[in-house]
Amino acid sequence: MEFDGAVIKERDVTYAVVAVKGGVIDSDNTLAAEQAVNSYQKYFPSLPVVLIAQDLTGSPTYYGDKDIVTLLARLPFNQIPWKRYGA
């Protein structure tokens, strides 16, 4: 499985961000979001994982720890150090 993700250190907090399709973090489907977090956790075993999706207008939506989501939401999307993982 290949995916786009990033490891970010901000304010003494290090966490992983993974880009997913919007339906994965739809507010009506938290089970899919939790399953996605669990599947990506193997790539970032010691870090909390936050999911991010963009809608058709490019606006991001986040799923994960609320404190980390608050930090991440302040970071411009184009400043996330994306990297290709998996293979």
PDB file of N, CA and C in Angstrom:
ATOM      1  N   MET A   1       0.847  -1.173   0.000  1.00  0.00           N
ATOM      2  CA  MET A   1       0.000   0.000   0.000  1.00  0.00           C
ATOM      3  C   MET A   1       0.898   1.243   0.000  1.00  0.00           C
ATOM      4  N   GLU A   2       0.642   2.161  -0.902  1.00  0.00           N
ATOM      5  CA  GLU A   2       1.358   3.431  -0.937  1.00  0.00           C
ATOM      6  C   GLU A   2       0.424   4.547  -0.502  1.00  0.00           C
ATOM      7  N   PHE A   3       0.982   5.505   0.206  1.00  0.00           N
ATOM      8  CA  PHE A   3       0.166   6.627   0.672  1.00  0.00           C
ATOM      9  C   PHE A   3       1.061   7.833   0.912  1.00  0.00           C
ATOM     10  N   ASP A   4       0.436   8.990   0.984  1.00  0.00           N
ATOM     11  CA  ASP A   4       1.142  10.230   1.297  1.00  0.00           C
ATOM     12  C   ASP A   4       0.983  10.523   2.779  1.00  0.00           C
ATOM     13  N   GLY A   5       2.093  10.800   3.421  1.00  0.00           N
ATOM     14  CA  GLY A   5       2.066  11.095   4.839  1.00  0.00           C
ATOM     15  C   GLY A   5       3.202  12.028   5.206  1.00  0.00           C
ATOM     16  N   ALA A   6       3.228  12.404   6.458  1.00  0.00           N
ATOM     17  CA  ALA A   6       4.282  13.292   6.950  1.00  0.00           C
ATOM     18  C   ALA A   6       4.449  13.074   8.444  1.00  0.00           C
ATOM     19  N   VAL A   7       5.661  13.323   8.903  1.00  0.00           N
ATOM     20  CA  VAL A   7       5.935  13.355  10.340  1.00  0.00           C
ATOM     21  C   VAL A   7       6.245  14.808  10.671  1.00  0.00           C
ATOM     22  N   ILE A   8       5.525  15.314  11.642  1.00  0.00           N
ATOM     23  CA  ILE A   8       5.641  16.725  12.000  1.00  0.00           C
ATOM     24  C   ILE A   8       5.993  16.847  13.480  1.00  0.00           C
ATOM     25  N   LYS A   9       6.943  17.725  13.775  1.00  0.00           N
ATOM     26  CA  LYS A   9       7.259  18.049  15.168  1.00  0.00           C
ATOM     27  C   LYS A   9       6.919  19.517  15.358  1.00  0.00           C
ATOM     28  N   GLU A  10       6.043  19.760  16.297  1.00  0.00           N
ATOM     29  CA  GLU A  10       5.559  21.111  16.533  1.00  0.00           C
ATOM     30  C   GLU A  10       5.275  21.269  18.025  1.00  0.00           C
ATOM     31  N   ARG A  11       5.836  22.299  18.614  1.00  0.00           N
ATOM     32  CA  ARG A  11       5.620  22.561  20.042  1.00  0.00           C
ATOM     33  C   ARG A  11       5.881  21.337  20.903  1.00  0.00           C
ATOM     34  N   ASP A  12       7.005  20.676  20.671  1.00  0.00           N
ATOM     35  CA  ASP A  12       7.406  19.483  21.429  1.00  0.00           C
ATOM     36  C   ASP A  12       6.458  18.303  21.272  1.00  0.00           C
ATOM     37  N   VAL A  13       5.633  18.316  20.236  1.00  0.00           N
ATOM     38  CA  VAL A  13       4.746  17.197  19.934  1.00  0.00           C
ATOM     39  C   VAL A  13       5.125  16.675  18.557  1.00  0.00           C
ATOM     40  N   THR A  14       5.397  15.381  18.471  1.00  0.00           N
ATOM     41  CA  THR A  14       5.688  14.759  17.186  1.00  0.00           C
ATOM     42  C   THR A  14       4.532  13.842  16.847  1.00  0.00           C
ATOM     43  N   TYR A  15       4.035  13.954  15.616  1.00  0.00           N
ATOM     44  CA  TYR A  15       2.883  13.166  15.194  1.00  0.00           C
ATOM     45  C   TYR A  15       2.973  12.890  13.702  1.00  0.00           C
ATOM     46  N   ALA A  16       2.188  11.927  13.247  1.00  0.00           N
ATOM     47  CA  ALA A  16       2.134  11.572  11.836  1.00  0.00           C
ATOM     48  C   ALA A  16       0.807  12.050  11.254  1.00  0.00           C
ATOM     49  N   VAL A  17       0.857  12.467  10.003  1.00  0.00           N
ATOM     50  CA  VAL A  17      -0.323  12.883   9.263  1.00  0.00           C
ATOM     51  C   VAL A  17      -0.405  12.006   8.019  1.00  0.00           C
ATOM     52  N   VAL A  18      -1.592  11.504   7.722  1.00  0.00           N
ATOM     53  CA  VAL A  18      -1.792  10.676   6.544  1.00  0.00           C
ATOM     54  C   VAL A  18      -2.954  11.243   5.739  1.00  0.00           C
ATOM     55  N   ALA A  19      -2.729  11.418   4.441  1.00  0.00           N
ATOM     56  CA  ALA A  19      -3.783  11.911   3.546  1.00  0.00           C
ATOM     57  C   ALA A  19      -4.675  10.743   3.136  1.00  0.00           C
ATOM     58  N   VAL A  20      -5.985  10.946   3.283  1.00  0.00           N
ATOM     59  CA  VAL A  20      -6.968   9.923   2.916  1.00  0.00           C
ATOM     60  C   VAL A  20      -8.086  10.561   2.102  1.00  0.00           C
ATOM     61  N   LYS A  21      -8.916   9.725   1.514  1.00  0.00           N
ATOM     62  CA  LYS A  21     -10.092  10.229   0.803  1.00  0.00           C
ATOM     63  C   LYS A  21     -11.128  10.689   1.815  1.00  0.00           C
ATOM     64  N   GLY A  22     -11.921  11.670   1.423  1.00  0.00           N
ATOM     65  CA  GLY A  22     -12.884  12.285   2.328  1.00  0.00           C
ATOM     66  C   GLY A  22     -13.834  11.323   3.007  1.00  0.00           C
ATOM     67  N   GLY A  23     -14.288  10.306   2.308  1.00  0.00           N
ATOM     68  CA  GLY A  23     -15.235   9.360   2.887  1.00  0.00           C
ATOM     69  C   GLY A  23     -14.698   8.609   4.078  1.00  0.00           C
ATOM     70  N   VAL A  24     -13.378   8.529   4.191  1.00  0.00           N
ATOM     71  CA  VAL A  24     -12.765   7.804   5.305  1.00  0.00           C
ATOM     72  C   VAL A  24     -12.998   8.536   6.615  1.00  0.00           C
ATOM     73  N   ILE A  25     -13.026   9.861   6.573  1.00  0.00           N
ATOM     74  CA  ILE A  25     -13.208  10.618   7.811  1.00  0.00           C
ATOM     75  C   ILE A  25     -14.540  11.346   7.847  1.00  0.00           C
ATOM     76  N   ASP A  26     -15.490  10.829   7.118  1.00  0.00           N
ATOM     77  CA  ASP A  26     -16.847  11.353   7.148  1.00  0.00           C
ATOM     78  C   ASP A  26     -17.378  11.225   8.571  1.00  0.00           C
ATOM     79  N   SER A  27     -18.039  12.260   9.051  1.00  0.00           N
ATOM     80  CA  SER A  27     -18.512  12.271  10.442  1.00  0.00           C
ATOM     81  C   SER A  27     -19.511  11.150  10.734  1.00  0.00           C
ATOM     82  N   ASP A  28     -20.108  10.582   9.702  1.00  0.00           N
ATOM     83  CA  ASP A  28     -21.050   9.482   9.910  1.00  0.00           C
ATOM     84  C   ASP A  28     -20.369   8.123   9.937  1.00  0.00           C
ATOM     85  N   ASN A  29     -19.063   8.090   9.742  1.00  0.00           N
ATOM     86  CA  ASN A  29     -18.371   6.817   9.603  1.00  0.00           C
ATOM     87  C   ASN A  29     -17.089   6.779  10.430  1.00  0.00           C
ATOM     88  N   THR A  30     -17.201   6.948  11.729  1.00  0.00           N
ATOM     89  CA  THR A  30     -16.002   6.958  12.569  1.00  0.00           C
ATOM     90  C   THR A  30     -15.306   5.599  12.601  1.00  0.00           C
ATOM     91  N   LEU A  31     -16.038   4.521  12.334  1.00  0.00           N
ATOM     92  CA  LEU A  31     -15.420   3.202  12.313  1.00  0.00           C
ATOM     93  C   LEU A  31     -14.366   3.126  11.207  1.00  0.00           C
ATOM     94  N   ALA A  32     -14.673   3.644  10.030  1.00  0.00           N
ATOM     95  CA  ALA A  32     -13.709   3.645   8.919  1.00  0.00           C
ATOM     96  C   ALA A  32     -12.481   4.478   9.275  1.00  0.00           C
ATOM     97  N   ALA A  33     -12.688   5.599   9.947  1.00  0.00           N
ATOM     98  CA  ALA A  33     -11.567   6.450  10.349  1.00  0.00           C
ATOM     99  C   ALA A  33     -10.685   5.724  11.355  1.00  0.00           C
ATOM    100  N   GLU A  34     -11.268   5.088  12.320  1.00  0.00           N
ATOM    101  CA  GLU A  34     -10.489   4.346  13.322  1.00  0.00           C
ATOM    102  C   GLU A  34      -9.725   3.190  12.679  1.00  0.00           C
ATOM    103  N   GLN A  35     -10.362   2.508  11.737  1.00  0.00           N
ATOM    104  CA  GLN A  35      -9.676   1.418  11.037  1.00  0.00           C
ATOM    105  C   GLN A  35      -8.500   1.956  10.233  1.00  0.00           C
ATOM    106  N   ALA A  36      -8.676   3.109   9.610  1.00  0.00           N
ATOM    107  CA  ALA A  36      -7.580   3.722   8.840  1.00  0.00           C
ATOM    108  C   ALA A  36      -6.428   4.101   9.763  1.00  0.00           C
ATOM    109  N   VAL A  37      -6.735   4.735  10.884  1.00  0.00           N
ATOM    110  CA  VAL A  37      -5.684   5.093  11.844  1.00  0.00           C
ATOM    111  C   VAL A  37      -4.920   3.836  12.259  1.00  0.00           C
ATOM    112  N   ASN A  38      -5.640   2.780  12.575  1.00  0.00           N
ATOM    113  CA  ASN A  38      -4.989   1.530  12.996  1.00  0.00           C
ATOM    114  C   ASN A  38      -4.115   0.938  11.889  1.00  0.00           C
ATOM    115  N   SER A  39      -4.561   1.026  10.642  1.00  0.00           N
ATOM    116  CA  SER A  39      -3.768   0.451   9.550  1.00  0.00           C
ATOM    117  C   SER A  39      -2.500   1.259   9.279  1.00  0.00           C
ATOM    118  N   TYR A  40      -2.552   2.566   9.463  1.00  0.00           N
ATOM    119  CA  TYR A  40      -1.363   3.398   9.245  1.00  0.00           C
ATOM    120  C   TYR A  40      -0.431   3.406  10.447  1.00  0.00           C
ATOM    121  N   GLN A  41      -0.917   2.995  11.590  1.00  0.00           N
ATOM    122  CA  GLN A  41      -0.104   3.007  12.811  1.00  0.00           C
ATOM    123  C   GLN A  41       1.149   2.153  12.664  1.00  0.00           C
ATOM    124  N   LYS A  42       1.103   1.105  11.855  1.00  0.00           N
ATOM    125  CA  LYS A  42       2.287   0.247  11.694  1.00  0.00           C
ATOM    126  C   LYS A  42       3.450   0.988  11.028  1.00  0.00           C
ATOM    127  N   TYR A  43       3.147   2.042  10.271  1.00  0.00           N
ATOM    128  CA  TYR A  43       4.199   2.843   9.648  1.00  0.00           C
ATOM    129  C   TYR A  43       4.782   3.876  10.612  1.00  0.00           C
ATOM    130  N   PHE A  44       4.026   4.194  11.648  1.00  0.00           N
ATOM    131  CA  PHE A  44       4.426   5.201  12.635  1.00  0.00           C
ATOM    132  C   PHE A  44       4.162   4.640  14.035  1.00  0.00           C
ATOM    133  N   PRO A  45       4.858   3.578  14.418  1.00  0.00           N
ATOM    134  CA  PRO A  45       4.500   2.841  15.637  1.00  0.00           C
ATOM    135  C   PRO A  45       4.538   3.631  16.940  1.00  0.00           C
ATOM    136  N   SER A  46       5.349   4.633  17.032  1.00  0.00           N
ATOM    137  CA  SER A  46       5.443   5.347  18.309  1.00  0.00           C
ATOM    138  C   SER A  46       4.783   6.724  18.267  1.00  0.00           C
ATOM    139  N   LEU A  47       4.064   7.023  17.179  1.00  0.00           N
ATOM    140  CA  LEU A  47       3.482   8.357  17.021  1.00  0.00           C
ATOM    141  C   LEU A  47       1.965   8.306  16.918  1.00  0.00           C
ATOM    142  N   PRO A  48       1.294   9.330  17.420  1.00  0.00           N
ATOM    143  CA  PRO A  48      -0.137   9.434  17.153  1.00  0.00           C
ATOM    144  C   PRO A  48      -0.342   9.744  15.662  1.00  0.00           C
ATOM    145  N   VAL A  49      -1.386   9.179  15.077  1.00  0.00           N
ATOM    146  CA  VAL A  49      -1.684   9.370  13.660  1.00  0.00           C
ATOM    147  C   VAL A  49      -2.944  10.221  13.517  1.00  0.00           C
ATOM    148  N   VAL A  50      -2.840  11.252  12.676  1.00  0.00           N
ATOM    149  CA  VAL A  50      -3.975  12.105  12.343  1.00  0.00           C
ATOM    150  C   VAL A  50      -4.243  11.941  10.852  1.00  0.00           C
ATOM    151  N   LEU A  51      -5.510  11.801  10.507  1.00  0.00           N
ATOM    152  CA  LEU A  51      -5.907  11.693   9.104  1.00  0.00           C
ATOM    153  C   LEU A  51      -6.316  13.061   8.588  1.00  0.00           C
ATOM    154  N   ILE A  52      -6.052  13.311   7.303  1.00  0.00           N
ATOM    155  CA  ILE A  52      -6.445  14.566   6.687  1.00  0.00           C
ATOM    156  C   ILE A  52      -7.015  14.265   5.299  1.00  0.00           C
ATOM    157  N   ALA A  53      -8.092  14.934   4.964  1.00  0.00           N
ATOM    158  CA  ALA A  53      -8.700  14.811   3.638  1.00  0.00           C
ATOM    159  C   ALA A  53      -9.061  16.207   3.169  1.00  0.00           C
ATOM    160  N   GLN A  54      -9.081  16.381   1.849  1.00  0.00           N
ATOM    161  CA  GLN A  54      -9.483  17.661   1.278  1.00  0.00           C
ATOM    162  C   GLN A  54     -10.781  17.475   0.510  1.00  0.00           C
ATOM    163  N   ASP A  55     -11.655  18.481   0.589  1.00  0.00           N
ATOM    164  CA  ASP A  55     -12.879  18.430  -0.198  1.00  0.00           C
ATOM    165  C   ASP A  55     -12.602  18.986  -1.595  1.00  0.00           C
ATOM    166  N   LEU A  56     -13.638  19.111  -2.413  1.00  0.00           N
ATOM    167  CA  LEU A  56     -13.464  19.568  -3.794  1.00  0.00           C
ATOM    168  C   LEU A  56     -12.882  20.970  -3.904  1.00  0.00           C
ATOM    169  N   THR A  57     -13.063  21.778  -2.859  1.00  0.00           N
ATOM    170  CA  THR A  57     -12.526  23.136  -2.880  1.00  0.00           C
ATOM    171  C   THR A  57     -11.108  23.205  -2.306  1.00  0.00           C
ATOM    172  N   GLY A  58     -10.612  22.077  -1.807  1.00  0.00           N
ATOM    173  CA  GLY A  58      -9.272  22.041  -1.232  1.00  0.00           C
ATOM    174  C   GLY A  58      -9.237  22.280   0.265  1.00  0.00           C
ATOM    175  N   SER A  59     -10.400  22.467   0.867  1.00  0.00           N
ATOM    176  CA  SER A  59     -10.451  22.681   2.320  1.00  0.00           C
ATOM    177  C   SER A  59     -10.179  21.368   3.049  1.00  0.00           C
ATOM    178  N   PRO A  60      -9.254  21.385   4.020  1.00  0.00           N
ATOM    179  CA  PRO A  60      -8.932  20.152   4.732  1.00  0.00           C
ATOM    180  C   PRO A  60      -9.913  19.840   5.856  1.00  0.00           C
ATOM    181  N   THR A  61     -10.063  18.542   6.109  1.00  0.00           N
ATOM    182  CA  THR A  61     -10.805  18.018   7.244  1.00  0.00           C
ATOM    183  C   THR A  61      -9.861  17.061   7.955  1.00  0.00           C
ATOM    184  N   TYR A  62      -9.910  17.036   9.275  1.00  0.00           N
ATOM    185  CA  TYR A  62      -8.972  16.244  10.059  1.00  0.00           C
ATOM    186  C   TYR A  62      -9.704  15.246  10.930  1.00  0.00           C
ATOM    187  N   TYR A  63      -9.016  14.160  11.270  1.00  0.00           N
ATOM    188  CA  TYR A  63      -9.535  13.184  12.217  1.00  0.00           C
ATOM    189  C   TYR A  63      -8.378  12.724  13.085  1.00  0.00           C
ATOM    190  N   GLY A  64      -8.563  12.822  14.385  1.00  0.00           N
ATOM    191  CA  GLY A  64      -7.536  12.349  15.312  1.00  0.00           C
ATOM    192  C   GLY A  64      -7.624  13.092  16.621  1.00  0.00           C
ATOM    193  N   ASP A  65      -6.577  12.995  17.393  1.00  0.00           N
ATOM    194  CA  ASP A  65      -6.486  13.653  18.684  1.00  0.00           C
ATOM    195  C   ASP A  65      -6.796  15.145  18.536  1.00  0.00           C
ATOM    196  N   LYS A  66      -7.723  15.635  19.340  1.00  0.00           N
ATOM    197  CA  LYS A  66      -8.194  17.024  19.192  1.00  0.00           C
ATOM    198  C   LYS A  66      -7.093  18.059  19.384  1.00  0.00           C
ATOM    199  N   ASP A  67      -6.193  17.830  20.324  1.00  0.00           N
ATOM    200  CA  ASP A  67      -5.106  18.778  20.542  1.00  0.00           C
ATOM    201  C   ASP A  67      -4.161  18.822  19.335  1.00  0.00           C
ATOM    202  N   ILE A  68      -3.882  17.657  18.774  1.00  0.00           N
ATOM    203  CA  ILE A  68      -3.014  17.604  17.603  1.00  0.00           C
ATOM    204  C   ILE A  68      -3.715  18.204  16.388  1.00  0.00           C
ATOM    205  N   VAL A  69      -4.991  17.922  16.238  1.00  0.00           N
ATOM    206  CA  VAL A  69      -5.754  18.505  15.124  1.00  0.00           C
ATOM    207  C   VAL A  69      -5.727  20.027  15.206  1.00  0.00           C
ATOM    208  N   THR A  70      -5.822  20.569  16.405  1.00  0.00           N
ATOM    209  CA  THR A  70      -5.756  22.030  16.579  1.00  0.00           C
ATOM    210  C   THR A  70      -4.408  22.569  16.115  1.00  0.00           C
ATOM    211  N   LEU A  71      -3.325  21.892  16.473  1.00  0.00           N
ATOM    212  CA  LEU A  71      -1.994  22.302  16.005  1.00  0.00           C
ATOM    213  C   LEU A  71      -1.898  22.199  14.487  1.00  0.00           C
ATOM    214  N   LEU A  72      -2.340  21.084  13.953  1.00  0.00           N
ATOM    215  CA  LEU A  72      -2.234  20.837  12.523  1.00  0.00           C
ATOM    216  C   LEU A  72      -3.074  21.810  11.707  1.00  0.00           C
ATOM    217  N   ALA A  73      -4.229  22.166  12.210  1.00  0.00           N
ATOM    218  CA  ALA A  73      -5.117  23.077  11.482  1.00  0.00           C
ATOM    219  C   ALA A  73      -4.493  24.459  11.307  1.00  0.00           C
ATOM    220  N   ARG A  74      -3.561  24.808  12.153  1.00  0.00           N
ATOM    221  CA  ARG A  74      -2.878  26.108  12.040  1.00  0.00           C
ATOM    222  C   ARG A  74      -1.759  26.088  10.993  1.00  0.00           C
ATOM    223  N   LEU A  75      -1.350  24.904  10.585  1.00  0.00           N
ATOM    224  CA  LEU A  75      -0.264  24.752   9.629  1.00  0.00           C
ATOM    225  C   LEU A  75      -0.837  24.770   8.206  1.00  0.00           C
ATOM    226  N   PRO A  76      -0.365  25.674   7.349  1.00  0.00           N
ATOM    227  CA  PRO A  76      -0.860  25.683   5.970  1.00  0.00           C
ATOM    228  C   PRO A  76      -0.602  24.337   5.285  1.00  0.00           C
ATOM    229  N   PHE A  77      -1.596  23.850   4.576  1.00  0.00           N
ATOM    230  CA  PHE A  77      -1.537  22.536   3.938  1.00  0.00           C
ATOM    231  C   PHE A  77      -0.279  22.384   3.089  1.00  0.00           C
ATOM    232  N   ASN A  78       0.087  23.438   2.362  1.00  0.00           N
ATOM    233  CA  ASN A  78       1.250  23.344   1.472  1.00  0.00           C
ATOM    234  C   ASN A  78       2.586  23.363   2.227  1.00  0.00           C
ATOM    235  N   GLN A  79       2.556  23.546   3.537  1.00  0.00           N
ATOM    236  CA  GLN A  79       3.788  23.504   4.328  1.00  0.00           C
ATOM    237  C   GLN A  79       3.991  22.160   5.025  1.00  0.00           C
ATOM    238  N   ILE A  80       3.064  21.246   4.831  1.00  0.00           N
ATOM    239  CA  ILE A  80       3.224  19.905   5.398  1.00  0.00           C
ATOM    240  C   ILE A  80       4.293  19.185   4.567  1.00  0.00           C
ATOM    241  N   PRO A  81       5.306  18.620   5.214  1.00  0.00           N
ATOM    242  CA  PRO A  81       6.400  17.965   4.491  1.00  0.00           C
ATOM    243  C   PRO A  81       6.022  16.566   3.985  1.00  0.00           C
ATOM    244  N   TRP A  82       5.169  16.503   2.989  1.00  0.00           N
ATOM    245  CA  TRP A  82       4.645  15.236   2.471  1.00  0.00           C
ATOM    246  C   TRP A  82       5.746  14.347   1.933  1.00  0.00           C
ATOM    247  N   LYS A  83       5.538  13.060   2.126  1.00  0.00           N
ATOM    248  CA  LYS A  83       6.468  12.034   1.650  1.00  0.00           C
ATOM    249  C   LYS A  83       5.628  10.831   1.232  1.00  0.00           C
ATOM    250  N   ARG A  84       6.109  10.082   0.258  1.00  0.00           N
ATOM    251  CA  ARG A  84       5.416   8.860  -0.194  1.00  0.00           C
ATOM    252  C   ARG A  84       5.889   7.697   0.655  1.00  0.00           C
ATOM    253  N   TYR A  85       4.963   6.954   1.261  1.00  0.00           N
ATOM    254  CA  TYR A  85       5.271   5.799   2.117  1.00  0.00           C
ATOM    255  C   TYR A  85       4.724   4.525   1.488  1.00  0.00           C
ATOM    256  N   GLY A  86       5.253   3.420   1.957  1.00  0.00           N
ATOM    257  CA  GLY A  86       4.754   2.118   1.535  1.00  0.00           C
ATOM    258  C   GLY A  86       5.424   1.630   0.275  1.00  0.00           C
ATOM    259  N   ALA A  87       4.884   0.571  -0.276  1.00  0.00           N
ATOM    260  CA  ALA A  87       5.327   0.013  -1.560  1.00  0.00           C
ATOM    261  C   ALA A  87       5.119  -1.463  -1.616  1.00  0.00           C
TER     262      ALA A  87
END
